[in-house]
Amino acid sequence: MRKVIYSMSVSLDGYTAGPGGDISWGAPDEELHQFHNDRVRELGLHLLGRRLYEEMRYWDAPDRAAGGEVEREFADIWQALPQVVFSRTLERVEGNARLATGDIGAEVARLTAEPGGDIGVGGPGLAAALIEHGLVDEFELFVNPVVLGGGTPFFPPGRRVALELVESRAFGSRVVHLRYRRV
């Protein structure tokens, strides 16, 4: 079975975005970006909600070659990675993505049973739905040294999830990577 891995940058107080959707505080430096590249390269599929899909379209643009080497490498990895976008409002998606409009739990359960690399999920809304279905196997938090005081939480409120720490790493940017497995 393929694992489902929920991975995002998070503030020290547990938010993936600050008030008003601000995510500028989570921009990775080159060392952290390379770590993300290496992680995403290992995936066989990535799941996204509409908002994250629209944000990540940035990496599908042909002019991504204008960025630095690490950014160009990520663009190549992202463009090659199959993606499933869950949305009730989009009529079509582009790039290496396909649109899913049916039951999230049933679709992801089917995808985990297929052969291939692990499945990444980004976006706290979609992740919350998968957590509710018990479908997230691992949680990767990139804890940034900032307190936002509010915003979009990494974990859905009111849901208990028992976890075991399986990996940690501190980066020069003071970001700490924490990888947990559901127990």
Protein backbone atom coordinates (compact mmCIF):
# COMPACT_ATOMS: atom_id res chain seq x y z
CA MET A 1 0.00 0.00 0.00
CA ARG A 2 1.14 3.50 -0.80
CA LYS A 3 1.48 5.90 2.14
CA VAL A 4 -0.33 9.23 2.19
CA ILE A 5 1.99 11.99 3.46
CA TYR A 6 0.66 15.41 4.47
CA SER A 7 3.48 17.94 4.27
CA MET A 8 3.46 21.73 4.71
CA SER A 9 5.30 24.65 6.22
CA VAL A 10 3.81 25.64 9.55
CA SER A 11 4.31 28.44 12.05
CA LEU A 12 5.46 27.64 15.58
CA ASP A 13 1.85 28.11 16.73
CA GLY A 14 0.52 25.63 14.16
CA TYR A 15 -0.71 27.66 11.17
CA THR A 16 -0.04 27.00 7.48
CA ALA A 17 -1.13 30.53 6.55
CA GLY A 18 -1.51 33.64 8.61
CA PRO A 19 -4.49 35.96 8.77
CA GLY A 20 -5.59 36.91 5.27
CA GLY A 21 -3.82 33.86 3.79
CA ASP A 22 -0.29 35.25 4.17
CA ILE A 23 2.34 32.57 3.42
CA SER A 24 5.32 34.86 2.75
CA TRP A 25 6.93 33.83 6.07
CA GLY A 26 7.39 30.24 4.81
CA ALA A 27 9.53 30.81 1.70
CA PRO A 28 12.38 28.27 1.81
CA ASP A 29 16.04 29.12 1.42
CA GLU A 30 18.15 27.08 -0.99
CA GLU A 31 19.05 24.34 1.53
CA LEU A 32 15.42 23.77 2.52
CA HIS A 33 14.22 24.01 -1.08
CA GLN A 34 16.67 21.26 -2.07
CA PHE A 35 15.32 19.10 0.77
CA HIS A 36 11.78 19.65 -0.58
CA ASN A 37 12.99 18.75 -4.08
CA ASP A 38 14.45 15.48 -2.81
CA ARG A 39 11.24 14.62 -0.93
CA VAL A 40 8.88 15.45 -3.79
CA ARG A 41 11.08 13.51 -6.24
CA GLU A 42 10.31 10.33 -4.22
CA LEU A 43 6.52 10.70 -4.59
CA GLY A 44 4.44 8.83 -7.14
CA LEU A 45 1.44 11.18 -6.97
CA HIS A 46 0.37 14.43 -5.34
CA LEU A 47 -3.14 15.39 -4.15
CA LEU A 48 -4.25 19.02 -4.11
CA GLY A 49 -7.34 21.05 -3.43
CA ARG A 50 -8.37 23.88 -5.74
CA ARG A 51 -6.54 26.68 -3.91
CA LEU A 52 -3.22 24.87 -3.70
CA TYR A 53 -3.56 23.72 -7.31
CA GLU A 54 -3.97 27.35 -8.38
CA GLU A 55 -0.92 28.38 -6.29
CA MET A 56 1.21 25.55 -7.66
CA ARG A 57 0.39 26.43 -11.29
CA TYR A 58 3.29 28.85 -10.84
CA TRP A 59 5.67 25.89 -11.26
CA ASP A 60 4.08 24.83 -14.56
CA ALA A 61 4.91 28.14 -16.27
CA PRO A 62 7.50 27.84 -19.06
CA ASP A 63 9.53 30.75 -17.64
CA ARG A 64 10.44 28.82 -14.48
CA ALA A 65 13.80 28.34 -16.19
CA ALA A 66 14.53 31.94 -15.19
CA GLY A 67 14.81 30.95 -11.51
CA GLY A 68 17.84 29.52 -9.75
CA GLU A 69 19.06 25.97 -10.24
CA VAL A 70 17.13 24.56 -7.26
CA GLU A 71 13.91 26.26 -8.41
CA ARG A 72 14.34 24.97 -11.99
CA GLU A 73 14.92 21.48 -10.61
CA PHE A 74 11.71 21.70 -8.56
CA ALA A 75 9.74 22.90 -11.59
CA ASP A 76 10.95 19.86 -13.57
CA ILE A 77 10.06 17.49 -10.71
CA TRP A 78 6.64 19.09 -10.20
CA GLN A 79 5.72 19.10 -13.89
CA ALA A 80 6.55 15.39 -14.19
CA LEU A 81 4.65 14.39 -11.04
CA PRO A 82 1.08 13.11 -11.61
CA GLN A 83 -1.42 15.19 -9.65
CA VAL A 84 -5.05 14.75 -8.65
CA VAL A 85 -6.99 17.94 -7.96
CA PHE A 86 -10.10 17.69 -5.78
CA SER A 87 -12.57 20.44 -6.62
CA ARG A 88 -16.28 20.98 -6.97
CA THR A 89 -15.80 24.34 -8.71
CA LEU A 90 -13.10 23.74 -11.33
CA GLU A 91 -14.26 22.46 -14.70
CA ARG A 92 -10.81 21.45 -15.93
CA VAL A 93 -7.18 21.29 -14.86
CA GLU A 94 -3.94 21.53 -16.84
CA GLY A 95 -0.44 20.15 -16.83
CA ASN A 96 0.07 16.68 -15.40
CA ALA A 97 -3.13 16.90 -13.35
CA ARG A 98 -6.52 15.27 -13.48
CA LEU A 99 -9.68 16.50 -11.83
CA ALA A 100 -11.51 14.46 -9.17
CA THR A 101 -15.01 15.55 -8.18
CA GLY A 102 -16.29 12.42 -6.43
CA ASP A 103 -15.99 11.12 -2.88
CA ILE A 104 -12.55 12.03 -1.51
CA GLY A 105 -12.32 9.06 0.85
CA ALA A 106 -13.22 6.49 -1.81
CA GLU A 107 -10.89 8.03 -4.41
CA VAL A 108 -7.88 8.19 -2.08
CA ALA A 109 -8.51 4.68 -0.74
CA ARG A 110 -8.48 3.46 -4.36
CA LEU A 111 -5.28 5.40 -5.14
CA THR A 112 -3.43 3.98 -2.12
CA ALA A 113 -4.21 0.46 -3.31
CA GLU A 114 -2.61 1.10 -6.73
CA PRO A 115 1.08 0.36 -7.29
CA GLY A 116 3.52 3.25 -7.28
CA GLY A 117 5.33 5.68 -5.04
CA ASP A 118 3.86 7.32 -1.97
CA ILE A 119 1.18 9.98 -2.25
CA GLY A 120 1.79 13.54 -1.12
CA VAL A 121 -1.01 15.81 0.01
CA GLY A 122 -0.79 19.53 0.49
CA GLY A 123 -3.37 22.01 1.66
CA PRO A 124 -5.00 21.94 5.08
CA GLY A 125 -8.57 21.73 3.74
CA LEU A 126 -7.99 18.59 1.71
CA ALA A 127 -5.75 17.15 4.43
CA ALA A 128 -8.52 17.70 7.02
CA ALA A 129 -10.91 15.62 4.91
CA LEU A 130 -8.31 12.85 4.58
CA ILE A 131 -7.57 12.96 8.31
CA GLU A 132 -11.30 12.58 9.00
CA HIS A 133 -11.27 9.42 6.84
CA GLY A 134 -8.15 8.12 8.62
CA LEU A 135 -6.20 8.17 5.34
CA VAL A 136 -3.09 10.19 6.30
CA ASP A 137 -0.22 7.91 7.30
CA GLU A 138 2.53 10.48 7.88
CA PHE A 139 2.68 14.16 8.76
CA GLU A 140 5.65 16.32 7.77
CA LEU A 141 5.79 19.72 9.40
CA PHE A 142 8.38 22.32 8.44
CA VAL A 143 8.19 24.44 11.58
CA ASN A 144 9.19 28.05 10.92
CA PRO A 145 10.43 30.31 13.74
CA VAL A 146 7.45 32.65 13.58
CA VAL A 147 4.28 33.01 15.65
CA LEU A 148 1.31 34.14 13.54
CA GLY A 149 -1.37 34.37 16.23
CA GLY A 150 -4.07 33.01 13.93
CA GLY A 151 -4.82 31.84 10.43
CA THR A 152 -5.30 28.44 8.81
CA PRO A 153 -4.38 25.56 11.15
CA PHE A 154 -2.24 22.61 10.00
CA PHE A 155 -4.44 20.15 11.89
CA PRO A 156 -8.24 20.25 11.81
CA PRO A 157 -9.64 21.57 15.10
CA GLY A 158 -11.23 19.09 17.48
CA ARG A 159 -9.58 16.01 15.98
CA ARG A 160 -7.19 13.87 18.05
CA VAL A 161 -4.42 12.10 16.12
CA ALA A 162 -1.86 9.93 17.95
CA LEU A 163 1.60 10.30 16.39
CA GLU A 164 5.12 8.93 16.73
CA LEU A 165 8.17 11.03 15.78
CA VAL A 166 10.26 9.17 13.19
CA GLU A 167 12.57 11.91 11.89
CA SER A 168 13.70 15.42 12.72
CA ARG A 169 16.20 17.85 11.25
CA ALA A 170 17.13 21.46 11.88
CA PHE A 171 18.11 23.65 8.92
CA GLY A 172 20.43 26.66 8.83
CA SER A 173 17.37 28.87 8.28
CA ARG A 174 16.16 27.84 11.78
CA VAL A 175 13.33 25.79 10.24
CA VAL A 176 12.86 22.40 11.90
CA HIS A 177 11.54 19.45 9.91
CA LEU A 178 9.44 16.99 11.93
CA ARG A 179 8.12 13.76 10.40
CA TYR A 180 5.51 11.82 12.35
CA ARG A 181 3.83 8.49 11.68
CA ARG A 182 0.25 7.84 12.76
CA VAL A 183 0.04 5.18 15.49
